[in-house]
């Protein structure tokens, strides 16, 4: 977790608490998370969960099913929940008065304001080549969010939402820039599966090799 800009580090404990709350809500690994309790019929759906599922369905339709959180009768929110949590951190930092900052969590990034030089925030994208220490590219963000999906850290963990099959191939990644991190997170997965952008995609995409 990295925060740059203003007095953002001052709010580290609040950020950590918010992220823990998000994990407890959306984790597929916790038996007491909201998503697990919903799947067992033990809990009603919160408004936040409903909003996340609505967004996920919109992206499923726009990606022709390449992104899909529903498989084997359950919900797998791994392709969108981290981006959603990063968006909530962005809201938190805005509420405490920060307007010029970058927050990064495991490759998902939210940038607000114009950066230290007034020309946007410069962010690096990790190379998908596991033998390289170089960046794949550097991008400038202006009040935008970025997410990257690839098979270089966990080969085979990405699935084609249309078939449920793992997506393999050479080491590569897709970086997506969009207004929200949840959108970028989900679309990065979808475009990794698809290869090309469908007509429903309205962001910026970069393929890293």
N, C-alpha and C. Protein backbone atom coordinates (compact mmCIF):
# COMPACT_ATOMS: atom_id res chain seq x y z
N UNK A 1 0.85 -1.19 0.00
CA UNK A 1 0.00 0.00 0.00
C UNK A 1 0.88 1.24 0.00
N UNK A 2 0.65 2.15 -0.94
CA UNK A 2 1.46 3.34 -1.08
C UNK A 2 0.54 4.55 -1.22
N UNK A 3 0.85 5.61 -0.46
CA UNK A 3 0.11 6.86 -0.57
C UNK A 3 1.10 7.98 -0.82
N UNK A 4 0.83 8.80 -1.81
CA UNK A 4 1.67 9.97 -2.08
C UNK A 4 0.79 11.21 -2.19
N UNK A 5 1.31 12.32 -1.66
CA UNK A 5 0.60 13.58 -1.82
C UNK A 5 0.00 14.11 -0.54
N UNK A 6 0.15 15.41 -0.29
CA UNK A 6 -0.44 16.05 0.88
C UNK A 6 -0.01 15.38 2.18
N UNK A 7 -0.95 15.25 3.09
CA UNK A 7 -0.70 14.60 4.36
C UNK A 7 -1.32 13.21 4.40
N UNK A 8 -1.40 12.56 3.22
CA UNK A 8 -2.08 11.27 3.13
C UNK A 8 -1.57 10.24 4.12
N UNK A 9 -0.23 10.12 4.38
CA UNK A 9 0.23 9.10 5.32
C UNK A 9 -0.37 9.25 6.72
N UNK A 10 -0.82 10.46 7.05
CA UNK A 10 -1.44 10.69 8.36
C UNK A 10 -2.68 9.84 8.55
N UNK A 11 -3.30 9.44 7.45
CA UNK A 11 -4.56 8.71 7.50
C UNK A 11 -4.37 7.21 7.28
N UNK A 12 -3.16 6.74 7.52
CA UNK A 12 -2.84 5.32 7.29
C UNK A 12 -3.75 4.38 8.07
N UNK A 13 -3.98 4.66 9.35
CA UNK A 13 -4.79 3.75 10.16
C UNK A 13 -6.23 3.72 9.68
N UNK A 14 -6.76 4.88 9.26
CA UNK A 14 -8.13 4.92 8.74
C UNK A 14 -8.23 4.13 7.43
N UNK A 15 -7.20 4.24 6.60
CA UNK A 15 -7.19 3.49 5.34
C UNK A 15 -7.16 2.00 5.62
N UNK A 16 -6.30 1.58 6.53
CA UNK A 16 -6.19 0.16 6.84
C UNK A 16 -7.50 -0.38 7.39
N UNK A 17 -8.18 0.41 8.23
CA UNK A 17 -9.47 -0.02 8.78
C UNK A 17 -10.51 -0.16 7.68
N UNK A 18 -10.53 0.79 6.75
CA UNK A 18 -11.49 0.73 5.65
C UNK A 18 -11.23 -0.51 4.78
N UNK A 19 -9.97 -0.77 4.47
CA UNK A 19 -9.64 -1.93 3.64
C UNK A 19 -10.01 -3.24 4.34
N UNK A 20 -9.84 -3.28 5.65
CA UNK A 20 -10.24 -4.48 6.39
C UNK A 20 -11.74 -4.69 6.32
N UNK A 21 -12.49 -3.61 6.41
CA UNK A 21 -13.95 -3.69 6.29
C UNK A 21 -14.35 -4.20 4.91
N UNK A 22 -13.68 -3.70 3.88
CA UNK A 22 -13.97 -4.15 2.52
C UNK A 22 -13.65 -5.63 2.35
N UNK A 23 -12.53 -6.06 2.91
CA UNK A 23 -12.16 -7.48 2.80
C UNK A 23 -13.19 -8.36 3.50
N UNK A 24 -13.65 -7.95 4.66
CA UNK A 24 -14.64 -8.73 5.39
C UNK A 24 -15.96 -8.81 4.62
N UNK A 25 -16.22 -7.82 3.81
CA UNK A 25 -17.48 -7.81 3.05
C UNK A 25 -17.40 -8.68 1.81
N UNK A 26 -16.29 -8.57 1.06
CA UNK A 26 -16.24 -9.16 -0.27
C UNK A 26 -15.38 -10.40 -0.40
N UNK A 27 -14.67 -10.80 0.64
CA UNK A 27 -13.75 -11.93 0.53
C UNK A 27 -14.45 -13.26 0.28
N UNK A 28 -13.95 -14.00 -0.70
CA UNK A 28 -14.46 -15.36 -0.94
C UNK A 28 -13.80 -16.37 -0.02
N UNK A 29 -12.76 -15.95 0.68
CA UNK A 29 -11.99 -16.88 1.51
C UNK A 29 -12.48 -16.90 2.95
N UNK A 30 -13.25 -15.89 3.35
CA UNK A 30 -13.75 -15.83 4.72
C UNK A 30 -15.16 -16.38 4.79
N UNK A 31 -15.40 -17.28 5.72
CA UNK A 31 -16.73 -17.86 5.87
C UNK A 31 -17.73 -16.88 6.46
N UNK A 32 -17.22 -15.79 7.07
CA UNK A 32 -18.13 -14.83 7.69
C UNK A 32 -18.26 -13.54 6.87
N UNK A 33 -17.68 -13.51 5.67
CA UNK A 33 -17.82 -12.33 4.82
C UNK A 33 -19.27 -12.21 4.34
N UNK A 34 -19.63 -11.02 3.90
CA UNK A 34 -21.00 -10.83 3.42
C UNK A 34 -21.29 -11.72 2.22
N UNK A 35 -20.34 -11.80 1.28
CA UNK A 35 -20.59 -12.60 0.09
C UNK A 35 -20.77 -14.07 0.45
N UNK A 36 -20.01 -14.59 1.43
CA UNK A 36 -20.16 -15.99 1.84
C UNK A 36 -21.50 -16.21 2.53
N UNK A 37 -21.91 -15.26 3.36
CA UNK A 37 -23.19 -15.41 4.07
C UNK A 37 -24.36 -15.30 3.10
N UNK A 38 -24.23 -14.46 2.09
CA UNK A 38 -25.29 -14.35 1.07
C UNK A 38 -25.42 -15.66 0.31
N UNK A 39 -24.30 -16.26 -0.04
CA UNK A 39 -24.33 -17.52 -0.79
C UNK A 39 -24.96 -18.64 0.03
N UNK A 40 -24.85 -18.56 1.36
CA UNK A 40 -25.48 -19.58 2.22
C UNK A 40 -26.90 -19.20 2.61
N UNK A 41 -27.38 -18.06 2.12
CA UNK A 41 -28.73 -17.62 2.43
C UNK A 41 -28.89 -17.11 3.83
N UNK A 42 -27.78 -16.62 4.46
CA UNK A 42 -27.81 -16.19 5.84
C UNK A 42 -27.84 -14.67 6.00
N UNK A 43 -27.78 -13.93 4.90
CA UNK A 43 -27.69 -12.49 5.01
C UNK A 43 -28.39 -11.81 3.85
N UNK A 44 -29.01 -10.66 4.13
CA UNK A 44 -29.55 -9.84 3.07
C UNK A 44 -28.40 -9.05 2.44
N UNK A 45 -28.60 -8.60 1.23
CA UNK A 45 -27.56 -7.90 0.49
C UNK A 45 -27.51 -6.43 0.89
N UNK A 46 -26.32 -5.96 1.24
CA UNK A 46 -26.15 -4.55 1.58
C UNK A 46 -26.25 -3.70 0.31
N UNK A 47 -26.47 -2.40 0.48
CA UNK A 47 -26.55 -1.51 -0.67
C UNK A 47 -25.21 -1.46 -1.42
N UNK A 48 -24.10 -1.55 -0.68
CA UNK A 48 -22.80 -1.53 -1.33
C UNK A 48 -22.59 -2.79 -2.17
N UNK A 49 -22.98 -3.93 -1.65
CA UNK A 49 -22.87 -5.17 -2.41
C UNK A 49 -23.75 -5.10 -3.66
N UNK A 50 -24.92 -4.54 -3.50
CA UNK A 50 -25.84 -4.43 -4.64
C UNK A 50 -25.23 -3.53 -5.72
N UNK A 51 -24.60 -2.43 -5.30
CA UNK A 51 -23.97 -1.52 -6.26
C UNK A 51 -22.82 -2.21 -7.00
N UNK A 52 -22.02 -2.98 -6.26
CA UNK A 52 -20.90 -3.68 -6.89
C UNK A 52 -21.39 -4.73 -7.88
N UNK A 53 -22.43 -5.45 -7.53
CA UNK A 53 -22.98 -6.46 -8.44
C UNK A 53 -23.60 -5.81 -9.68
N UNK A 54 -24.21 -4.65 -9.50
CA UNK A 54 -24.77 -3.94 -10.65
C UNK A 54 -23.67 -3.52 -11.61
N UNK A 55 -22.59 -2.97 -11.08
CA UNK A 55 -21.46 -2.59 -11.92
C UNK A 55 -20.88 -3.81 -12.63
N UNK A 56 -20.73 -4.90 -11.91
CA UNK A 56 -20.17 -6.12 -12.50
C UNK A 56 -21.04 -6.64 -13.64
N UNK A 57 -22.34 -6.55 -13.47
CA UNK A 57 -23.24 -7.01 -14.53
C UNK A 57 -23.14 -6.10 -15.75
N UNK A 58 -22.99 -4.81 -15.53
CA UNK A 58 -22.84 -3.88 -16.65
C UNK A 58 -21.59 -4.21 -17.46
N UNK A 59 -20.50 -4.52 -16.77
CA UNK A 59 -19.26 -4.82 -17.47
C UNK A 59 -19.33 -6.21 -18.12
N UNK A 60 -20.04 -7.14 -17.50
CA UNK A 60 -20.24 -8.45 -18.14
C UNK A 60 -20.94 -8.28 -19.48
N UNK A 61 -21.99 -7.47 -19.48
CA UNK A 61 -22.73 -7.25 -20.73
C UNK A 61 -21.87 -6.53 -21.77
N UNK A 62 -21.15 -5.50 -21.33
CA UNK A 62 -20.35 -4.71 -22.27
C UNK A 62 -19.17 -5.50 -22.83
N UNK A 63 -18.69 -6.49 -22.05
CA UNK A 63 -17.55 -7.30 -22.50
C UNK A 63 -17.99 -8.59 -23.16
N UNK A 64 -19.27 -8.71 -23.44
CA UNK A 64 -19.82 -9.93 -24.07
C UNK A 64 -19.53 -11.17 -23.24
N UNK A 65 -19.50 -10.99 -21.91
CA UNK A 65 -19.34 -12.13 -21.02
C UNK A 65 -17.91 -12.48 -20.67
N UNK A 66 -16.93 -11.77 -21.22
CA UNK A 66 -15.52 -12.09 -20.92
C UNK A 66 -15.23 -11.88 -19.44
N UNK A 67 -15.87 -10.88 -18.84
CA UNK A 67 -15.79 -10.66 -17.40
C UNK A 67 -17.09 -11.12 -16.79
N UNK A 68 -17.02 -12.05 -15.85
CA UNK A 68 -18.23 -12.58 -15.21
C UNK A 68 -17.87 -13.04 -13.80
N UNK A 69 -18.56 -12.50 -12.80
CA UNK A 69 -18.26 -12.86 -11.41
C UNK A 69 -19.01 -14.10 -10.96
N UNK A 70 -19.93 -14.61 -11.76
CA UNK A 70 -20.75 -15.75 -11.35
C UNK A 70 -20.29 -17.02 -12.04
N UNK A 71 -19.81 -17.98 -11.23
CA UNK A 71 -19.44 -19.28 -11.76
C UNK A 71 -19.69 -20.35 -10.71
N UNK A 72 -20.14 -21.53 -11.17
CA UNK A 72 -20.37 -22.69 -10.28
C UNK A 72 -21.34 -22.37 -9.16
N UNK A 73 -22.31 -21.51 -9.45
CA UNK A 73 -23.34 -21.22 -8.46
C UNK A 73 -22.93 -20.23 -7.40
N UNK A 74 -21.73 -19.65 -7.50
CA UNK A 74 -21.26 -18.71 -6.49
C UNK A 74 -20.80 -17.42 -7.12
N UNK A 75 -20.28 -16.54 -6.27
CA UNK A 75 -19.78 -15.25 -6.72
C UNK A 75 -18.29 -15.17 -6.47
N UNK A 76 -17.53 -14.82 -7.49
CA UNK A 76 -16.10 -14.60 -7.35
C UNK A 76 -15.83 -13.13 -7.66
N UNK A 77 -15.58 -12.35 -6.62
CA UNK A 77 -15.41 -10.91 -6.78
C UNK A 77 -13.95 -10.50 -6.90
N UNK A 78 -13.07 -11.48 -7.11
CA UNK A 78 -11.64 -11.21 -7.15
C UNK A 78 -11.22 -10.27 -8.26
N UNK A 79 -12.01 -10.17 -9.33
CA UNK A 79 -11.65 -9.33 -10.46
C UNK A 79 -12.13 -7.90 -10.37
N UNK A 80 -12.80 -7.55 -9.27
CA UNK A 80 -13.36 -6.20 -9.17
C UNK A 80 -13.31 -5.63 -7.76
N UNK A 81 -13.25 -6.48 -6.73
CA UNK A 81 -13.37 -6.01 -5.35
C UNK A 81 -12.21 -5.14 -4.91
N UNK A 82 -10.99 -5.46 -5.35
CA UNK A 82 -9.85 -4.64 -4.94
C UNK A 82 -9.95 -3.24 -5.53
N UNK A 83 -10.34 -3.15 -6.79
CA UNK A 83 -10.54 -1.85 -7.40
C UNK A 83 -11.64 -1.06 -6.69
N UNK A 84 -12.70 -1.77 -6.32
CA UNK A 84 -13.80 -1.13 -5.59
C UNK A 84 -13.29 -0.57 -4.26
N UNK A 85 -12.46 -1.34 -3.57
CA UNK A 85 -11.91 -0.89 -2.29
C UNK A 85 -11.01 0.33 -2.46
N UNK A 86 -10.23 0.35 -3.53
CA UNK A 86 -9.37 1.51 -3.79
C UNK A 86 -10.22 2.76 -4.04
N UNK A 87 -11.33 2.62 -4.73
CA UNK A 87 -12.24 3.75 -4.91
C UNK A 87 -12.75 4.27 -3.58
N UNK A 88 -13.04 3.38 -2.65
CA UNK A 88 -13.53 3.81 -1.34
C UNK A 88 -12.44 4.54 -0.57
N UNK A 89 -11.19 4.12 -0.73
CA UNK A 89 -10.08 4.84 -0.11
C UNK A 89 -9.99 6.25 -0.70
N UNK A 90 -10.15 6.36 -2.01
CA UNK A 90 -10.14 7.66 -2.64
C UNK A 90 -11.21 8.58 -2.08
N UNK A 91 -12.39 8.02 -1.84
CA UNK A 91 -13.47 8.81 -1.24
C UNK A 91 -13.09 9.25 0.17
N UNK A 92 -12.50 8.34 0.94
CA UNK A 92 -12.09 8.66 2.31
C UNK A 92 -11.09 9.82 2.32
N UNK A 93 -10.07 9.74 1.48
CA UNK A 93 -9.06 10.78 1.44
C UNK A 93 -9.65 12.12 0.98
N UNK A 94 -10.62 12.06 0.09
CA UNK A 94 -11.30 13.29 -0.32
C UNK A 94 -12.11 13.89 0.82
N UNK A 95 -12.75 13.03 1.60
CA UNK A 95 -13.58 13.50 2.72
C UNK A 95 -12.76 14.18 3.81
N UNK A 96 -11.48 13.78 3.97
CA UNK A 96 -10.65 14.40 5.00
C UNK A 96 -9.90 15.62 4.45
N UNK A 97 -10.20 16.00 3.22
CA UNK A 97 -9.67 17.24 2.70
C UNK A 97 -8.53 17.15 1.72
N UNK A 98 -8.15 15.92 1.31
CA UNK A 98 -7.07 15.79 0.34
C UNK A 98 -7.64 15.83 -1.08
N UNK A 99 -7.02 16.60 -1.92
CA UNK A 99 -7.49 16.72 -3.30
C UNK A 99 -6.40 16.42 -4.32
N UNK A 100 -5.17 16.21 -3.86
CA UNK A 100 -4.04 15.96 -4.76
C UNK A 100 -3.22 14.81 -4.20
N UNK A 101 -3.49 13.59 -4.67
CA UNK A 101 -2.83 12.42 -4.09
C UNK A 101 -2.89 11.24 -5.04
N UNK A 102 -2.06 10.25 -4.75
CA UNK A 102 -2.11 8.95 -5.42
C UNK A 102 -2.15 7.88 -4.35
N UNK A 103 -3.05 6.92 -4.52
CA UNK A 103 -3.10 5.75 -3.63
C UNK A 103 -2.97 4.51 -4.48
N UNK A 104 -2.10 3.60 -4.06
CA UNK A 104 -1.86 2.36 -4.81
C UNK A 104 -1.97 1.15 -3.89
N UNK A 105 -2.65 0.14 -4.36
CA UNK A 105 -2.81 -1.10 -3.61
C UNK A 105 -2.64 -2.27 -4.57
N UNK A 106 -1.50 -2.92 -4.51
CA UNK A 106 -1.27 -4.11 -5.32
C UNK A 106 -1.46 -3.91 -6.80
N UNK A 107 -1.06 -2.74 -7.31
CA UNK A 107 -1.17 -2.49 -8.75
C UNK A 107 -2.38 -1.69 -9.16
N UNK A 108 -3.39 -1.58 -8.28
CA UNK A 108 -4.54 -0.73 -8.56
C UNK A 108 -4.25 0.67 -8.02
N UNK A 109 -4.49 1.69 -8.82
CA UNK A 109 -4.09 3.05 -8.47
C UNK A 109 -5.22 4.02 -8.71
N UNK A 110 -5.42 4.92 -7.73
CA UNK A 110 -6.32 6.04 -7.92
C UNK A 110 -5.50 7.32 -7.78
N UNK A 111 -5.66 8.24 -8.74
CA UNK A 111 -4.93 9.51 -8.73
C UNK A 111 -5.92 10.65 -8.76
N UNK A 112 -5.71 11.61 -7.88
CA UNK A 112 -6.56 12.78 -7.84
C UNK A 112 -5.70 14.03 -7.86
N UNK A 113 -6.17 15.06 -8.54
CA UNK A 113 -5.42 16.30 -8.63
C UNK A 113 -4.42 16.29 -9.78
N UNK A 114 -3.54 17.30 -9.78
CA UNK A 114 -2.62 17.51 -10.88
C UNK A 114 -1.18 17.10 -10.59
N UNK A 115 -0.93 16.51 -9.43
CA UNK A 115 0.42 16.05 -9.14
C UNK A 115 1.34 17.16 -8.67
N UNK A 116 2.54 16.81 -8.24
CA UNK A 116 3.47 17.81 -7.66
C UNK A 116 3.93 18.88 -8.61
N UNK A 117 3.94 18.60 -9.92
CA UNK A 117 4.40 19.59 -10.89
C UNK A 117 3.26 20.20 -11.69
N UNK A 118 2.02 19.84 -11.33
CA UNK A 118 0.87 20.39 -12.03
C UNK A 118 0.58 19.76 -13.37
N UNK A 119 1.30 18.71 -13.73
CA UNK A 119 1.13 18.08 -15.04
C UNK A 119 0.63 16.64 -14.93
N UNK A 120 0.02 16.30 -13.81
CA UNK A 120 -0.48 14.95 -13.62
C UNK A 120 0.47 14.10 -12.81
N UNK A 121 -0.02 12.96 -12.37
CA UNK A 121 0.78 12.02 -11.60
C UNK A 121 1.42 10.99 -12.52
N UNK A 122 2.74 10.82 -12.38
CA UNK A 122 3.46 9.81 -13.16
C UNK A 122 3.45 8.49 -12.38
N UNK A 123 2.96 7.45 -13.01
CA UNK A 123 2.91 6.13 -12.36
C UNK A 123 3.55 5.09 -13.27
N UNK A 124 4.27 4.18 -12.68
CA UNK A 124 4.93 3.13 -13.44
C UNK A 124 4.12 1.86 -13.47
N UNK A 125 4.19 1.15 -14.59
CA UNK A 125 3.52 -0.14 -14.76
C UNK A 125 4.58 -1.23 -14.79
N UNK A 126 4.45 -2.19 -13.90
CA UNK A 126 5.42 -3.27 -13.78
C UNK A 126 5.50 -4.10 -15.06
N UNK A 127 6.72 -4.51 -15.43
CA UNK A 127 6.88 -5.37 -16.59
C UNK A 127 6.31 -6.75 -16.30
N UNK A 128 5.59 -7.36 -17.26
CA UNK A 128 5.09 -8.71 -17.06
C UNK A 128 6.17 -9.77 -17.23
N UNK A 129 7.37 -9.37 -17.64
CA UNK A 129 8.49 -10.30 -17.77
C UNK A 129 9.08 -10.54 -16.39
N UNK A 130 8.96 -11.75 -15.84
CA UNK A 130 9.43 -12.00 -14.47
C UNK A 130 10.93 -11.89 -14.30
N UNK A 131 11.66 -11.84 -15.40
CA UNK A 131 13.12 -11.73 -15.31
C UNK A 131 13.59 -10.28 -15.43
N UNK A 132 12.66 -9.36 -15.65
CA UNK A 132 13.04 -7.96 -15.87
C UNK A 132 12.69 -7.10 -14.67
N UNK A 133 13.59 -6.18 -14.33
CA UNK A 133 13.34 -5.21 -13.27
C UNK A 133 12.88 -3.88 -13.84
N UNK A 134 12.77 -3.80 -15.17
CA UNK A 134 12.37 -2.56 -15.81
C UNK A 134 10.85 -2.40 -15.78
N UNK A 135 10.41 -1.15 -15.90
CA UNK A 135 8.98 -0.88 -16.02
C UNK A 135 8.51 -1.16 -17.44
N UNK A 136 7.29 -1.63 -17.57
CA UNK A 136 6.72 -1.83 -18.90
C UNK A 136 6.45 -0.49 -19.56
N UNK A 137 6.01 0.48 -18.78
CA UNK A 137 5.72 1.81 -19.29
C UNK A 137 5.46 2.74 -18.11
N UNK A 138 5.47 4.03 -18.36
CA UNK A 138 5.09 5.05 -17.38
C UNK A 138 3.93 5.84 -17.96
N UNK A 139 2.88 6.01 -17.18
CA UNK A 139 1.69 6.71 -17.63
C UNK A 139 1.43 7.93 -16.77
N UNK A 140 0.76 8.91 -17.33
CA UNK A 140 0.36 10.12 -16.61
C UNK A 140 -1.13 10.07 -16.35
N UNK A 141 -1.51 10.22 -15.08
CA UNK A 141 -2.92 10.16 -14.69
C UNK A 141 -3.39 11.53 -14.22
N UNK A 142 -4.53 11.95 -14.74
CA UNK A 142 -5.20 13.19 -14.31
C UNK A 142 -6.58 12.80 -13.78
N UNK A 143 -6.74 12.74 -12.47
CA UNK A 143 -8.04 12.37 -11.90
C UNK A 143 -8.57 11.10 -12.54
N UNK A 144 -7.72 10.10 -12.61
CA UNK A 144 -8.07 8.82 -13.23
C UNK A 144 -7.61 7.66 -12.35
N UNK A 145 -8.01 6.47 -12.75
CA UNK A 145 -7.62 5.27 -12.04
C UNK A 145 -6.99 4.27 -13.00
N UNK A 146 -6.16 3.41 -12.46
CA UNK A 146 -5.42 2.45 -13.28
C UNK A 146 -5.44 1.08 -12.62
N UNK A 147 -5.57 0.05 -13.43
CA UNK A 147 -5.48 -1.33 -12.94
C UNK A 147 -4.80 -2.18 -14.00
N UNK A 148 -4.08 -3.19 -13.55
CA UNK A 148 -3.37 -4.09 -14.46
C UNK A 148 -3.72 -5.53 -14.12
N UNK A 149 -4.01 -6.31 -15.14
CA UNK A 149 -4.24 -7.75 -14.97
C UNK A 149 -3.25 -8.51 -15.84
N UNK A 150 -2.72 -9.59 -15.30
CA UNK A 150 -1.78 -10.40 -16.08
C UNK A 150 -1.59 -11.75 -15.45
N UNK A 151 -0.79 -12.57 -16.12
CA UNK A 151 -0.56 -13.94 -15.64
C UNK A 151 0.87 -14.14 -15.15
N UNK A 152 1.56 -13.03 -14.85
CA UNK A 152 2.98 -13.16 -14.51
C UNK A 152 3.22 -13.44 -13.04
N UNK A 153 2.31 -13.02 -12.14
CA UNK A 153 2.47 -13.35 -10.73
C UNK A 153 1.80 -14.68 -10.39
N UNK A 154 0.62 -14.90 -10.95
CA UNK A 154 -0.14 -16.12 -10.69
C UNK A 154 -0.59 -16.71 -12.02
N UNK A 155 0.29 -17.43 -12.71
CA UNK A 155 -0.08 -17.99 -14.02
C UNK A 155 -1.35 -18.84 -13.93
N UNK A 156 -2.28 -18.58 -14.86
CA UNK A 156 -3.48 -19.39 -14.93
C UNK A 156 -4.60 -18.99 -14.02
N UNK A 157 -4.45 -17.88 -13.24
CA UNK A 157 -5.52 -17.54 -12.30
C UNK A 157 -6.65 -16.75 -12.94
N UNK A 158 -6.42 -16.22 -14.14
CA UNK A 158 -7.47 -15.47 -14.82
C UNK A 158 -8.33 -16.41 -15.66
N UNK A 159 -9.65 -16.20 -15.61
CA UNK A 159 -10.57 -17.08 -16.31
C UNK A 159 -11.38 -16.31 -17.35
N UNK A 160 -11.69 -17.00 -18.42
CA UNK A 160 -12.60 -16.48 -19.43
C UNK A 160 -14.01 -16.62 -18.87
N UNK A 161 -14.69 -15.49 -18.67
CA UNK A 161 -16.02 -15.53 -18.08
C UNK A 161 -17.04 -16.26 -18.93
N UNK A 162 -16.76 -16.45 -20.20
CA UNK A 162 -17.71 -17.13 -21.09
C UNK A 162 -17.64 -18.64 -20.97
N UNK A 163 -16.47 -19.15 -20.58
CA UNK A 163 -16.26 -20.60 -20.54
C UNK A 163 -15.84 -21.13 -19.18
N UNK A 164 -15.32 -20.25 -18.34
CA UNK A 164 -14.79 -20.68 -17.05
C UNK A 164 -13.39 -21.26 -17.14
N UNK A 165 -12.82 -21.26 -18.34
CA UNK A 165 -11.49 -21.83 -18.54
C UNK A 165 -10.41 -20.81 -18.20
N UNK A 166 -9.29 -21.31 -17.66
CA UNK A 166 -8.16 -20.45 -17.35
C UNK A 166 -7.56 -19.91 -18.64
N UNK A 167 -7.07 -18.66 -18.55
CA UNK A 167 -6.44 -18.02 -19.71
C UNK A 167 -4.94 -18.08 -19.53
N UNK A 168 -4.27 -18.80 -20.41
CA UNK A 168 -2.83 -18.98 -20.29
C UNK A 168 -2.07 -18.14 -21.29
N UNK A 169 -1.07 -18.74 -21.90
CA UNK A 169 -0.29 -18.03 -22.91
C UNK A 169 0.98 -17.45 -22.33
N UNK A 170 1.65 -16.65 -23.15
CA UNK A 170 2.92 -16.07 -22.75
C UNK A 170 2.72 -15.04 -21.65
N UNK A 171 3.83 -14.70 -20.98
CA UNK A 171 3.76 -13.68 -19.95
C UNK A 171 3.38 -12.34 -20.59
N UNK A 172 2.33 -11.75 -20.11
CA UNK A 172 1.87 -10.48 -20.62
C UNK A 172 0.90 -9.88 -19.61
N UNK A 173 0.52 -8.63 -19.83
CA UNK A 173 -0.47 -7.99 -18.98
C UNK A 173 -1.20 -6.92 -19.75
N UNK A 174 -2.33 -6.52 -19.21
CA UNK A 174 -3.13 -5.44 -19.79
C UNK A 174 -3.35 -4.39 -18.71
N UNK A 175 -3.05 -3.15 -19.02
CA UNK A 175 -3.29 -2.03 -18.11
C UNK A 175 -4.42 -1.19 -18.66
N UNK A 176 -5.35 -0.84 -17.78
CA UNK A 176 -6.52 -0.07 -18.18
C UNK A 176 -6.61 1.19 -17.33
N UNK A 177 -6.92 2.32 -17.96
CA UNK A 177 -7.15 3.59 -17.28
C UNK A 177 -8.60 3.99 -17.48
N UNK A 178 -9.31 4.25 -16.37
CA UNK A 178 -10.73 4.61 -16.43
C UNK A 178 -11.05 5.57 -15.29
N UNK A 179 -12.26 6.11 -15.24
CA UNK A 179 -12.62 7.04 -14.17
C UNK A 179 -12.61 6.43 -12.78
N UNK A 180 -12.99 5.15 -12.65
CA UNK A 180 -12.98 4.49 -11.34
C UNK A 180 -12.09 3.27 -11.38
N UNK A 181 -11.58 2.91 -10.22
CA UNK A 181 -10.67 1.77 -10.15
C UNK A 181 -11.42 0.45 -10.29
N UNK A 182 -12.66 0.40 -9.82
CA UNK A 182 -13.45 -0.81 -9.99
C UNK A 182 -13.66 -1.12 -11.46
N UNK A 183 -13.99 -0.10 -12.24
CA UNK A 183 -14.14 -0.28 -13.68
C UNK A 183 -12.83 -0.74 -14.32
N UNK A 184 -11.74 -0.06 -13.95
CA UNK A 184 -10.44 -0.41 -14.52
C UNK A 184 -10.04 -1.83 -14.16
N UNK A 185 -10.31 -2.23 -12.92
CA UNK A 185 -9.98 -3.57 -12.44
C UNK A 185 -10.71 -4.63 -13.27
N UNK A 186 -12.01 -4.46 -13.41
CA UNK A 186 -12.81 -5.44 -14.14
C UNK A 186 -12.46 -5.47 -15.62
N UNK A 187 -12.29 -4.29 -16.21
CA UNK A 187 -11.98 -4.24 -17.64
C UNK A 187 -10.58 -4.77 -17.94
N UNK A 188 -9.64 -4.61 -17.01
CA UNK A 188 -8.31 -5.17 -17.24
C UNK A 188 -8.40 -6.69 -17.38
N UNK A 189 -9.23 -7.31 -16.55
CA UNK A 189 -9.45 -8.76 -16.67
C UNK A 189 -10.13 -9.10 -17.98
N UNK A 190 -11.18 -8.34 -18.31
CA UNK A 190 -11.94 -8.62 -19.54
C UNK A 190 -11.06 -8.49 -20.77
N UNK A 191 -10.23 -7.45 -20.83
CA UNK A 191 -9.40 -7.24 -22.02
C UNK A 191 -8.23 -8.21 -22.08
N UNK A 192 -7.79 -8.70 -20.93
CA UNK A 192 -6.78 -9.76 -20.94
C UNK A 192 -7.36 -10.99 -21.62
N UNK A 193 -8.63 -11.26 -21.36
CA UNK A 193 -9.30 -12.41 -21.98
C UNK A 193 -9.57 -12.16 -23.46
N UNK A 194 -10.08 -10.98 -23.78
CA UNK A 194 -10.53 -10.69 -25.14
C UNK A 194 -9.40 -10.39 -26.11
N UNK A 195 -8.40 -9.66 -25.65
CA UNK A 195 -7.33 -9.23 -26.54
C UNK A 195 -7.62 -7.88 -27.17
N UNK A 196 -8.80 -7.70 -27.74
CA UNK A 196 -9.19 -6.44 -28.36
C UNK A 196 -10.31 -5.78 -27.57
N UNK A 197 -10.43 -4.46 -27.70
CA UNK A 197 -11.48 -3.74 -26.98
C UNK A 197 -12.81 -3.86 -27.72
N UNK A 198 -13.88 -4.24 -27.03
CA UNK A 198 -15.20 -4.25 -27.65
C UNK A 198 -15.76 -2.84 -27.72
N UNK A 199 -16.87 -2.68 -28.40
CA UNK A 199 -17.47 -1.35 -28.57
C UNK A 199 -17.92 -0.74 -27.25
N UNK A 200 -18.19 -1.58 -26.24
CA UNK A 200 -18.66 -1.07 -24.95
C UNK A 200 -17.57 -0.56 -24.05
N UNK A 201 -16.32 -0.61 -24.49
CA UNK A 201 -15.21 -0.17 -23.66
C UNK A 201 -14.95 1.31 -23.89
N UNK A 202 -14.83 2.10 -22.80
CA UNK A 202 -14.68 3.55 -22.94
C UNK A 202 -13.49 4.09 -22.16
N UNK A 203 -12.43 3.31 -22.06
CA UNK A 203 -11.24 3.74 -21.35
C UNK A 203 -10.02 3.75 -22.23
N UNK A 204 -8.84 3.71 -21.63
CA UNK A 204 -7.58 3.58 -22.35
C UNK A 204 -6.95 2.25 -21.95
N UNK A 205 -6.48 1.50 -22.93
CA UNK A 205 -5.91 0.19 -22.66
C UNK A 205 -4.49 0.12 -23.22
N UNK A 206 -3.60 -0.56 -22.49
CA UNK A 206 -2.22 -0.73 -22.89
C UNK A 206 -1.84 -2.20 -22.69
N UNK A 207 -1.26 -2.80 -23.72
CA UNK A 207 -0.83 -4.19 -23.64
C UNK A 207 0.67 -4.24 -23.40
N UNK A 208 1.05 -4.94 -22.33
CA UNK A 208 2.45 -4.98 -21.91
C UNK A 208 3.01 -6.37 -22.15
N UNK A 209 4.19 -6.41 -22.77
CA UNK A 209 4.84 -7.70 -23.06
C UNK A 209 6.30 -7.63 -22.66
